[in-house]
Amino acid sequence: MILQPLVPVDGALPGPVLTEVAALYSTNHAFFELSGDFPDPDRITVEQVAAALADELAHDGAEVLLARSAGRLVGLAATLAHHPDPASAGTDPWIGLLLIDATAHREGYGRAVATLVEDRFRAAGRTGVQIAVLDNNPKALAFWQSQGYAELRRAEDRELGRDCTVLRKPLEAP
């Protein structure tokens, strides 16, 4: 599996890649029902995904990483070099979103992508990583805890004020 940064070309995301990513998002309608990120989780459009990705990439230190296995897009991770409000979040980088093709859930891709993201942070000298998991998503909470993330605190997310649990995993030196 490889991670490739999603890089705008002439200020726009490449059309074919954007279509692939929109298809990935569309497989995850159950997650988007929980999150409320899209008005109709059963009809996520390329334009909505383009806007969501542009919002992700607008943050200083943000990266969207595409996860490919045998050339197929199996997931993506949106990361931040630091939380947008460092005063409240410390210096750790953040995983803002880990999205795996829902048709391939429980095949190990989530674990593999999370590990690759952690390896990138570790190689950059980071000593920990954080994530906020929506409280209405117990499967995600169980996944992250199984990856070694421990609860730090309860909070509301910055975007929509949703209840979430902030988790952290220490990253040991390679």
N, C-alpha and C. Protein backbone atom coordinates (compact mmCIF):
# COMPACT_ATOMS: atom_id res chain seq x y z
N MET A 1 0.85 -1.18 0.00
CA MET A 1 0.00 0.00 0.00
C MET A 1 0.89 1.23 0.00
N ILE A 2 0.43 2.25 -0.72
CA ILE A 2 1.16 3.51 -0.75
C ILE A 2 0.22 4.65 -0.40
N LEU A 3 0.81 5.70 0.17
CA LEU A 3 0.09 6.95 0.42
C LEU A 3 0.64 7.99 -0.53
N GLN A 4 -0.28 8.69 -1.21
CA GLN A 4 0.11 9.76 -2.13
C GLN A 4 -0.58 11.04 -1.70
N PRO A 5 0.15 12.12 -1.51
CA PRO A 5 -0.50 13.39 -1.21
C PRO A 5 -1.37 13.84 -2.38
N LEU A 6 -2.55 14.33 -2.06
CA LEU A 6 -3.45 14.92 -3.05
C LEU A 6 -2.99 16.36 -3.25
N VAL A 7 -2.54 16.67 -4.46
CA VAL A 7 -1.96 17.97 -4.74
C VAL A 7 -2.78 18.67 -5.82
N PRO A 8 -3.29 19.86 -5.51
CA PRO A 8 -3.99 20.62 -6.56
C PRO A 8 -3.05 20.95 -7.72
N VAL A 9 -3.60 20.96 -8.91
CA VAL A 9 -2.87 21.34 -10.12
C VAL A 9 -3.48 22.63 -10.62
N ASP A 10 -2.68 23.68 -10.71
CA ASP A 10 -3.17 25.00 -11.10
C ASP A 10 -4.35 25.43 -10.23
N GLY A 11 -4.26 25.12 -8.93
CA GLY A 11 -5.27 25.55 -7.98
C GLY A 11 -6.51 24.68 -7.91
N ALA A 12 -6.59 23.63 -8.72
CA ALA A 12 -7.77 22.75 -8.70
C ALA A 12 -7.33 21.30 -8.51
N LEU A 13 -8.23 20.51 -7.98
CA LEU A 13 -7.94 19.09 -7.82
C LEU A 13 -8.17 18.39 -9.16
N PRO A 14 -7.29 17.45 -9.52
CA PRO A 14 -7.44 16.76 -10.81
C PRO A 14 -8.78 16.03 -10.90
N GLY A 15 -9.48 16.24 -12.02
CA GLY A 15 -10.82 15.69 -12.21
C GLY A 15 -10.93 14.19 -12.02
N PRO A 16 -10.07 13.38 -12.67
CA PRO A 16 -10.19 11.93 -12.50
C PRO A 16 -9.98 11.49 -11.05
N VAL A 17 -9.03 12.10 -10.36
CA VAL A 17 -8.79 11.76 -8.96
C VAL A 17 -9.98 12.18 -8.11
N LEU A 18 -10.50 13.35 -8.39
CA LEU A 18 -11.67 13.84 -7.66
C LEU A 18 -12.86 12.91 -7.83
N THR A 19 -13.05 12.38 -9.01
CA THR A 19 -14.13 11.42 -9.27
C THR A 19 -13.92 10.16 -8.45
N GLU A 20 -12.67 9.68 -8.38
CA GLU A 20 -12.33 8.51 -7.56
C GLU A 20 -12.63 8.76 -6.09
N VAL A 21 -12.22 9.93 -5.61
CA VAL A 21 -12.41 10.25 -4.20
C VAL A 21 -13.91 10.39 -3.89
N ALA A 22 -14.66 10.98 -4.80
CA ALA A 22 -16.11 11.10 -4.59
C ALA A 22 -16.76 9.72 -4.51
N ALA A 23 -16.30 8.79 -5.33
CA ALA A 23 -16.82 7.42 -5.27
C ALA A 23 -16.50 6.79 -3.91
N LEU A 24 -15.29 7.04 -3.41
CA LEU A 24 -14.90 6.56 -2.08
C LEU A 24 -15.83 7.12 -1.01
N TYR A 25 -16.04 8.43 -1.04
CA TYR A 25 -16.94 9.06 -0.08
C TYR A 25 -18.33 8.44 -0.16
N SER A 26 -18.81 8.19 -1.38
CA SER A 26 -20.18 7.68 -1.57
C SER A 26 -20.37 6.30 -0.97
N THR A 27 -19.31 5.50 -0.87
CA THR A 27 -19.46 4.17 -0.25
C THR A 27 -19.70 4.27 1.25
N ASN A 28 -19.40 5.43 1.82
CA ASN A 28 -19.45 5.61 3.28
C ASN A 28 -20.68 6.39 3.74
N HIS A 29 -21.82 6.14 3.11
CA HIS A 29 -23.02 6.89 3.48
C HIS A 29 -23.40 6.70 4.94
N ALA A 30 -23.13 5.53 5.54
CA ALA A 30 -23.47 5.32 6.95
C ALA A 30 -22.66 6.27 7.84
N PHE A 31 -21.37 6.45 7.54
CA PHE A 31 -20.57 7.39 8.33
C PHE A 31 -21.10 8.81 8.16
N PHE A 32 -21.40 9.19 6.92
CA PHE A 32 -21.84 10.56 6.69
C PHE A 32 -23.25 10.81 7.23
N GLU A 33 -24.04 9.76 7.44
CA GLU A 33 -25.31 9.92 8.17
C GLU A 33 -25.02 10.31 9.61
N LEU A 34 -24.02 9.68 10.21
CA LEU A 34 -23.64 9.99 11.60
C LEU A 34 -23.03 11.39 11.71
N SER A 35 -22.17 11.73 10.76
CA SER A 35 -21.43 12.99 10.87
C SER A 35 -22.24 14.21 10.47
N GLY A 36 -23.17 14.05 9.55
CA GLY A 36 -23.94 15.19 9.07
C GLY A 36 -23.14 16.12 8.16
N ASP A 37 -22.02 15.63 7.62
CA ASP A 37 -21.15 16.47 6.80
C ASP A 37 -21.75 16.81 5.44
N PHE A 38 -22.68 15.99 4.96
CA PHE A 38 -23.31 16.22 3.66
C PHE A 38 -24.82 16.22 3.83
N PRO A 39 -25.52 17.07 3.06
CA PRO A 39 -26.98 17.18 3.22
C PRO A 39 -27.71 15.86 2.96
N ASP A 40 -27.27 15.10 1.96
CA ASP A 40 -27.88 13.81 1.65
C ASP A 40 -26.76 12.78 1.50
N PRO A 41 -26.49 12.01 2.56
CA PRO A 41 -25.37 11.07 2.52
C PRO A 41 -25.51 9.98 1.45
N ASP A 42 -26.72 9.80 0.93
CA ASP A 42 -26.92 8.80 -0.12
C ASP A 42 -26.69 9.37 -1.51
N ARG A 43 -26.46 10.68 -1.60
CA ARG A 43 -26.23 11.34 -2.88
C ARG A 43 -25.11 12.38 -2.76
N ILE A 44 -23.92 11.91 -2.46
CA ILE A 44 -22.76 12.80 -2.33
C ILE A 44 -22.22 13.09 -3.73
N THR A 45 -22.10 14.36 -4.05
CA THR A 45 -21.68 14.75 -5.40
C THR A 45 -20.18 15.07 -5.45
N VAL A 46 -19.65 15.05 -6.65
CA VAL A 46 -18.25 15.40 -6.87
C VAL A 46 -18.00 16.83 -6.39
N GLU A 47 -18.95 17.73 -6.65
CA GLU A 47 -18.79 19.12 -6.23
C GLU A 47 -18.74 19.25 -4.71
N GLN A 48 -19.55 18.49 -4.00
CA GLN A 48 -19.53 18.52 -2.54
C GLN A 48 -18.20 18.00 -2.00
N VAL A 49 -17.70 16.93 -2.61
CA VAL A 49 -16.41 16.36 -2.18
C VAL A 49 -15.29 17.34 -2.48
N ALA A 50 -15.34 17.98 -3.65
CA ALA A 50 -14.31 18.98 -3.99
C ALA A 50 -14.30 20.10 -2.95
N ALA A 51 -15.49 20.56 -2.54
CA ALA A 51 -15.57 21.62 -1.53
C ALA A 51 -15.04 21.13 -0.19
N ALA A 52 -15.38 19.90 0.19
CA ALA A 52 -14.90 19.34 1.47
C ALA A 52 -13.38 19.21 1.47
N LEU A 53 -12.82 18.75 0.37
CA LEU A 53 -11.36 18.61 0.28
C LEU A 53 -10.68 19.97 0.29
N ALA A 54 -11.27 20.93 -0.40
CA ALA A 54 -10.70 22.29 -0.39
C ALA A 54 -10.71 22.85 1.03
N ASP A 55 -11.77 22.58 1.79
CA ASP A 55 -11.83 23.02 3.19
C ASP A 55 -10.73 22.36 4.01
N GLU A 56 -10.52 21.06 3.79
CA GLU A 56 -9.46 20.34 4.51
C GLU A 56 -8.10 20.96 4.20
N LEU A 57 -7.84 21.19 2.92
CA LEU A 57 -6.53 21.66 2.49
C LEU A 57 -6.28 23.13 2.78
N ALA A 58 -7.33 23.86 3.16
CA ALA A 58 -7.19 25.29 3.46
C ALA A 58 -6.46 25.54 4.77
N HIS A 59 -6.39 24.54 5.65
CA HIS A 59 -5.71 24.69 6.94
C HIS A 59 -4.21 24.64 6.74
N ASP A 60 -3.51 25.50 7.47
CA ASP A 60 -2.05 25.49 7.44
C ASP A 60 -1.56 24.13 7.92
N GLY A 61 -0.68 23.51 7.16
CA GLY A 61 -0.11 22.22 7.55
C GLY A 61 -1.02 21.04 7.27
N ALA A 62 -2.06 21.24 6.46
CA ALA A 62 -2.99 20.16 6.15
C ALA A 62 -2.48 19.34 4.97
N GLU A 63 -2.82 18.07 4.99
CA GLU A 63 -2.49 17.18 3.90
C GLU A 63 -3.62 16.18 3.74
N VAL A 64 -3.97 15.87 2.51
CA VAL A 64 -4.89 14.77 2.22
C VAL A 64 -4.06 13.71 1.52
N LEU A 65 -4.05 12.53 2.10
CA LEU A 65 -3.24 11.42 1.61
C LEU A 65 -4.15 10.35 1.03
N LEU A 66 -3.92 10.00 -0.21
CA LEU A 66 -4.70 8.95 -0.87
C LEU A 66 -4.01 7.62 -0.65
N ALA A 67 -4.76 6.62 -0.22
CA ALA A 67 -4.21 5.29 0.03
C ALA A 67 -4.60 4.37 -1.12
N ARG A 68 -3.58 3.81 -1.77
CA ARG A 68 -3.81 2.92 -2.90
C ARG A 68 -3.20 1.55 -2.61
N SER A 69 -3.94 0.53 -3.01
CA SER A 69 -3.47 -0.84 -2.93
C SER A 69 -3.67 -1.46 -4.30
N ALA A 70 -2.60 -1.94 -4.90
CA ALA A 70 -2.64 -2.50 -6.25
C ALA A 70 -3.27 -1.51 -7.22
N GLY A 71 -2.97 -0.20 -7.03
CA GLY A 71 -3.47 0.85 -7.92
C GLY A 71 -4.87 1.33 -7.61
N ARG A 72 -5.59 0.63 -6.77
CA ARG A 72 -6.98 0.97 -6.43
C ARG A 72 -7.01 1.91 -5.23
N LEU A 73 -7.84 2.96 -5.32
CA LEU A 73 -8.03 3.86 -4.18
C LEU A 73 -8.86 3.13 -3.13
N VAL A 74 -8.24 2.86 -1.97
CA VAL A 74 -8.94 2.13 -0.91
C VAL A 74 -9.24 3.01 0.29
N GLY A 75 -8.65 4.21 0.33
CA GLY A 75 -8.92 5.08 1.47
C GLY A 75 -8.22 6.40 1.33
N LEU A 76 -8.46 7.24 2.33
CA LEU A 76 -7.75 8.51 2.42
C LEU A 76 -7.65 8.92 3.86
N ALA A 77 -6.65 9.73 4.11
CA ALA A 77 -6.44 10.30 5.44
C ALA A 77 -6.22 11.80 5.26
N ALA A 78 -6.93 12.58 6.05
CA ALA A 78 -6.71 14.02 6.10
C ALA A 78 -5.99 14.30 7.40
N THR A 79 -4.84 14.95 7.31
CA THR A 79 -4.03 15.19 8.50
C THR A 79 -3.73 16.67 8.65
N LEU A 80 -3.40 17.04 9.87
CA LEU A 80 -2.97 18.40 10.19
C LEU A 80 -1.65 18.31 10.94
N ALA A 81 -0.70 19.15 10.57
CA ALA A 81 0.58 19.18 11.27
C ALA A 81 0.40 19.60 12.72
N HIS A 82 -0.66 20.37 12.98
CA HIS A 82 -1.02 20.79 14.33
C HIS A 82 -2.50 21.16 14.32
N HIS A 83 -3.11 21.14 15.47
CA HIS A 83 -4.53 21.50 15.58
C HIS A 83 -4.69 22.98 15.22
N PRO A 84 -5.81 23.35 14.59
CA PRO A 84 -6.01 24.77 14.25
C PRO A 84 -5.98 25.71 15.44
N ASP A 85 -6.22 25.19 16.64
CA ASP A 85 -6.16 26.01 17.84
C ASP A 85 -5.10 25.42 18.76
N PRO A 86 -3.81 25.70 18.49
CA PRO A 86 -2.74 25.08 19.27
C PRO A 86 -2.82 25.36 20.77
N ALA A 87 -3.43 26.44 21.16
CA ALA A 87 -3.53 26.75 22.59
C ALA A 87 -4.32 25.69 23.34
N SER A 88 -5.30 25.09 22.65
CA SER A 88 -6.13 24.11 23.34
C SER A 88 -5.73 22.68 23.03
N ALA A 89 -4.81 22.48 22.09
CA ALA A 89 -4.56 21.13 21.63
C ALA A 89 -3.12 20.65 21.77
N GLY A 90 -2.22 21.48 22.21
CA GLY A 90 -0.83 21.04 22.31
C GLY A 90 -0.14 21.08 20.97
N THR A 91 0.94 20.32 20.84
CA THR A 91 1.76 20.38 19.64
C THR A 91 1.65 19.14 18.75
N ASP A 92 0.85 18.17 19.13
CA ASP A 92 0.72 16.95 18.33
C ASP A 92 0.06 17.23 16.98
N PRO A 93 0.43 16.45 15.97
CA PRO A 93 -0.33 16.47 14.73
C PRO A 93 -1.66 15.75 14.93
N TRP A 94 -2.55 15.92 13.98
CA TRP A 94 -3.90 15.35 14.08
C TRP A 94 -4.26 14.57 12.83
N ILE A 95 -5.02 13.53 13.02
CA ILE A 95 -5.71 12.87 11.93
C ILE A 95 -7.12 13.43 11.96
N GLY A 96 -7.47 14.16 10.92
CA GLY A 96 -8.80 14.78 10.86
C GLY A 96 -9.85 13.83 10.31
N LEU A 97 -9.43 12.92 9.45
CA LEU A 97 -10.35 11.98 8.83
C LEU A 97 -9.56 10.79 8.33
N LEU A 98 -10.07 9.61 8.60
CA LEU A 98 -9.57 8.38 7.98
C LEU A 98 -10.80 7.73 7.37
N LEU A 99 -10.80 7.61 6.06
CA LEU A 99 -11.96 7.09 5.35
C LEU A 99 -11.50 5.93 4.48
N ILE A 100 -12.09 4.77 4.69
CA ILE A 100 -11.76 3.57 3.94
C ILE A 100 -12.98 3.18 3.11
N ASP A 101 -12.74 2.73 1.89
CA ASP A 101 -13.83 2.27 1.03
C ASP A 101 -14.70 1.28 1.82
N ALA A 102 -15.97 1.59 1.96
CA ALA A 102 -16.85 0.77 2.80
C ALA A 102 -17.00 -0.64 2.26
N THR A 103 -16.78 -0.83 0.96
CA THR A 103 -16.87 -2.19 0.41
C THR A 103 -15.67 -3.03 0.81
N ALA A 104 -14.65 -2.39 1.40
CA ALA A 104 -13.44 -3.10 1.82
C ALA A 104 -13.21 -3.01 3.33
N HIS A 105 -14.25 -2.63 4.08
CA HIS A 105 -14.09 -2.60 5.54
C HIS A 105 -13.76 -3.99 6.06
N ARG A 106 -13.01 -4.01 7.15
CA ARG A 106 -12.62 -5.23 7.85
C ARG A 106 -11.63 -6.09 7.04
N GLU A 107 -10.92 -5.42 6.09
CA GLU A 107 -9.89 -6.13 5.33
C GLU A 107 -8.49 -5.66 5.71
N GLY A 108 -8.37 -4.82 6.76
CA GLY A 108 -7.08 -4.38 7.24
C GLY A 108 -6.58 -3.07 6.66
N TYR A 109 -7.34 -2.47 5.76
CA TYR A 109 -6.90 -1.21 5.16
C TYR A 109 -6.86 -0.07 6.17
N GLY A 110 -7.84 0.00 7.05
CA GLY A 110 -7.85 1.07 8.06
C GLY A 110 -6.61 1.02 8.94
N ARG A 111 -6.29 -0.15 9.40
CA ARG A 111 -5.10 -0.35 10.24
C ARG A 111 -3.84 0.01 9.44
N ALA A 112 -3.77 -0.41 8.19
CA ALA A 112 -2.58 -0.14 7.37
C ALA A 112 -2.42 1.35 7.10
N VAL A 113 -3.52 2.04 6.77
CA VAL A 113 -3.43 3.48 6.51
C VAL A 113 -3.05 4.22 7.79
N ALA A 114 -3.68 3.87 8.91
CA ALA A 114 -3.35 4.53 10.18
C ALA A 114 -1.87 4.35 10.50
N THR A 115 -1.34 3.15 10.29
CA THR A 115 0.07 2.89 10.56
C THR A 115 0.97 3.72 9.65
N LEU A 116 0.63 3.81 8.37
CA LEU A 116 1.44 4.61 7.44
C LEU A 116 1.42 6.09 7.82
N VAL A 117 0.26 6.59 8.24
CA VAL A 117 0.17 7.99 8.67
C VAL A 117 1.03 8.20 9.92
N GLU A 118 0.93 7.29 10.88
CA GLU A 118 1.75 7.39 12.08
C GLU A 118 3.24 7.35 11.73
N ASP A 119 3.61 6.49 10.79
CA ASP A 119 5.01 6.39 10.37
C ASP A 119 5.50 7.71 9.77
N ARG A 120 4.65 8.39 9.01
CA ARG A 120 5.02 9.69 8.43
C ARG A 120 5.28 10.70 9.54
N PHE A 121 4.39 10.72 10.53
CA PHE A 121 4.57 11.65 11.64
C PHE A 121 5.83 11.31 12.44
N ARG A 122 6.03 10.03 12.68
CA ARG A 122 7.20 9.57 13.44
C ARG A 122 8.48 9.98 12.71
N ALA A 123 8.52 9.77 11.40
CA ALA A 123 9.70 10.13 10.60
C ALA A 123 9.96 11.63 10.63
N ALA A 124 8.91 12.41 10.86
CA ALA A 124 9.06 13.87 10.97
C ALA A 124 9.44 14.30 12.38
N GLY A 125 9.67 13.32 13.28
CA GLY A 125 10.10 13.63 14.63
C GLY A 125 8.97 13.92 15.60
N ARG A 126 7.75 13.62 15.21
CA ARG A 126 6.62 13.87 16.09
C ARG A 126 6.54 12.77 17.15
N THR A 127 6.09 13.13 18.34
CA THR A 127 6.09 12.17 19.46
C THR A 127 4.71 11.66 19.83
N GLY A 128 3.69 12.14 19.15
CA GLY A 128 2.33 11.67 19.41
C GLY A 128 1.42 12.16 18.31
N VAL A 129 0.23 11.57 18.24
CA VAL A 129 -0.79 11.98 17.27
C VAL A 129 -2.15 11.92 17.95
N GLN A 130 -3.02 12.84 17.57
CA GLN A 130 -4.36 12.90 18.16
C GLN A 130 -5.43 12.78 17.09
N ILE A 131 -6.62 12.41 17.54
CA ILE A 131 -7.80 12.34 16.69
C ILE A 131 -9.01 12.60 17.56
N ALA A 132 -10.02 13.23 16.98
CA ALA A 132 -11.30 13.41 17.66
C ALA A 132 -12.31 12.49 16.98
N VAL A 133 -12.96 11.64 17.76
CA VAL A 133 -13.93 10.69 17.23
C VAL A 133 -15.32 11.11 17.72
N LEU A 134 -16.26 11.18 16.77
CA LEU A 134 -17.62 11.55 17.14
C LEU A 134 -18.19 10.53 18.11
N ASP A 135 -18.84 11.03 19.16
CA ASP A 135 -19.38 10.13 20.19
C ASP A 135 -20.48 9.22 19.66
N ASN A 136 -21.13 9.61 18.55
CA ASN A 136 -22.19 8.75 18.01
C ASN A 136 -21.63 7.68 17.07
N ASN A 137 -20.31 7.49 17.10
CA ASN A 137 -19.66 6.51 16.23
C ASN A 137 -18.84 5.52 17.06
N PRO A 138 -19.52 4.63 17.79
CA PRO A 138 -18.79 3.70 18.67
C PRO A 138 -17.85 2.75 17.91
N LYS A 139 -18.16 2.42 16.66
CA LYS A 139 -17.26 1.54 15.90
C LYS A 139 -15.93 2.23 15.65
N ALA A 140 -15.97 3.52 15.34
CA ALA A 140 -14.72 4.25 15.12
C ALA A 140 -13.94 4.36 16.42
N LEU A 141 -14.63 4.63 17.52
CA LEU A 141 -13.95 4.72 18.81
C LEU A 141 -13.25 3.39 19.14
N ALA A 142 -13.94 2.28 18.92
CA ALA A 142 -13.35 0.96 19.18
C ALA A 142 -12.15 0.71 18.27
N PHE A 143 -12.26 1.12 17.00
CA PHE A 143 -11.14 0.95 16.07
C PHE A 143 -9.91 1.69 16.59
N TRP A 144 -10.06 2.98 16.90
CA TRP A 144 -8.90 3.76 17.31
C TRP A 144 -8.31 3.26 18.62
N GLN A 145 -9.16 2.84 19.54
CA GLN A 145 -8.64 2.29 20.79
C GLN A 145 -7.87 1.00 20.53
N SER A 146 -8.33 0.20 19.57
CA SER A 146 -7.61 -1.04 19.24
C SER A 146 -6.26 -0.75 18.60
N GLN A 147 -6.08 0.47 18.10
CA GLN A 147 -4.80 0.88 17.50
C GLN A 147 -3.86 1.51 18.52
N GLY A 148 -4.28 1.54 19.78
CA GLY A 148 -3.41 2.08 20.83
C GLY A 148 -3.68 3.51 21.22
N TYR A 149 -4.77 4.08 20.75
CA TYR A 149 -5.14 5.46 21.11
C TYR A 149 -5.92 5.43 22.43
N ALA A 150 -5.61 6.37 23.30
CA ALA A 150 -6.26 6.44 24.61
C ALA A 150 -6.99 7.78 24.74
N GLU A 151 -8.08 7.75 25.46
CA GLU A 151 -8.89 8.95 25.64
C GLU A 151 -8.14 10.01 26.44
N LEU A 152 -8.16 11.23 25.91
CA LEU A 152 -7.60 12.39 26.61
C LEU A 152 -8.68 13.21 27.29
N ARG A 153 -9.75 13.46 26.52
CA ARG A 153 -10.81 14.32 27.04
C ARG A 153 -12.04 14.23 26.14
N ARG A 154 -13.13 14.80 26.64
CA ARG A 154 -14.34 14.96 25.84
C ARG A 154 -14.37 16.41 25.35
N ALA A 155 -14.94 16.62 24.18
CA ALA A 155 -14.95 17.96 23.60
C ALA A 155 -16.09 18.07 22.60
N GLU A 156 -16.21 19.26 22.01
CA GLU A 156 -17.09 19.47 20.87
C GLU A 156 -16.20 19.76 19.68
N ASP A 157 -16.57 19.25 18.51
CA ASP A 157 -15.75 19.54 17.34
C ASP A 157 -15.92 21.00 16.94
N ARG A 158 -14.90 21.54 16.27
CA ARG A 158 -14.87 22.96 15.91
C ARG A 158 -15.86 23.32 14.82
N GLU A 159 -16.17 22.39 13.95
CA GLU A 159 -17.00 22.69 12.78
C GLU A 159 -18.48 22.80 13.13
N LEU A 160 -19.02 21.75 13.75
CA LEU A 160 -20.47 21.69 13.96
C LEU A 160 -20.87 21.54 15.43
N GLY A 161 -19.92 21.61 16.33
CA GLY A 161 -20.24 21.50 17.75
C GLY A 161 -20.72 20.12 18.18
N ARG A 162 -20.32 19.08 17.43
CA ARG A 162 -20.74 17.71 17.76
C ARG A 162 -19.91 17.18 18.92
N ASP A 163 -20.53 16.37 19.77
CA ASP A 163 -19.81 15.75 20.89
C ASP A 163 -18.81 14.74 20.35
N CYS A 164 -17.59 14.79 20.90
CA CYS A 164 -16.56 13.85 20.46
C CYS A 164 -15.63 13.51 21.61
N THR A 165 -14.86 12.49 21.38
CA THR A 165 -13.83 12.05 22.31
C THR A 165 -12.48 12.27 21.63
N VAL A 166 -11.60 12.98 22.31
CA VAL A 166 -10.26 13.23 21.79
C VAL A 166 -9.35 12.13 22.31
N LEU A 167 -8.66 11.49 21.37
CA LEU A 167 -7.76 10.38 21.68
C LEU A 167 -6.34 10.75 21.28
N ARG A 168 -5.37 10.14 21.94
CA ARG A 168 -3.96 10.38 21.61
C ARG A 168 -3.21 9.06 21.64
N LYS A 169 -2.24 8.96 20.74
CA LYS A 169 -1.33 7.81 20.73
C LYS A 169 0.09 8.35 20.75
N PRO A 170 0.90 7.90 21.71
CA PRO A 170 2.31 8.28 21.68
C PRO A 170 3.01 7.58 20.52
N LEU A 171 3.95 8.27 19.90
CA LEU A 171 4.72 7.70 18.80
C LEU A 171 6.15 7.54 19.28
N GLU A 172 6.58 6.31 19.40
CA GLU A 172 7.94 6.05 19.84
C GLU A 172 8.90 6.22 18.68
N ALA A 173 10.10 6.59 18.96
CA ALA A 173 11.12 6.79 17.92
C ALA A 173 11.35 5.48 17.17
N PRO A 174 11.65 5.58 15.86
CA PRO A 174 11.88 4.34 15.09
C PRO A 174 13.12 3.61 15.54
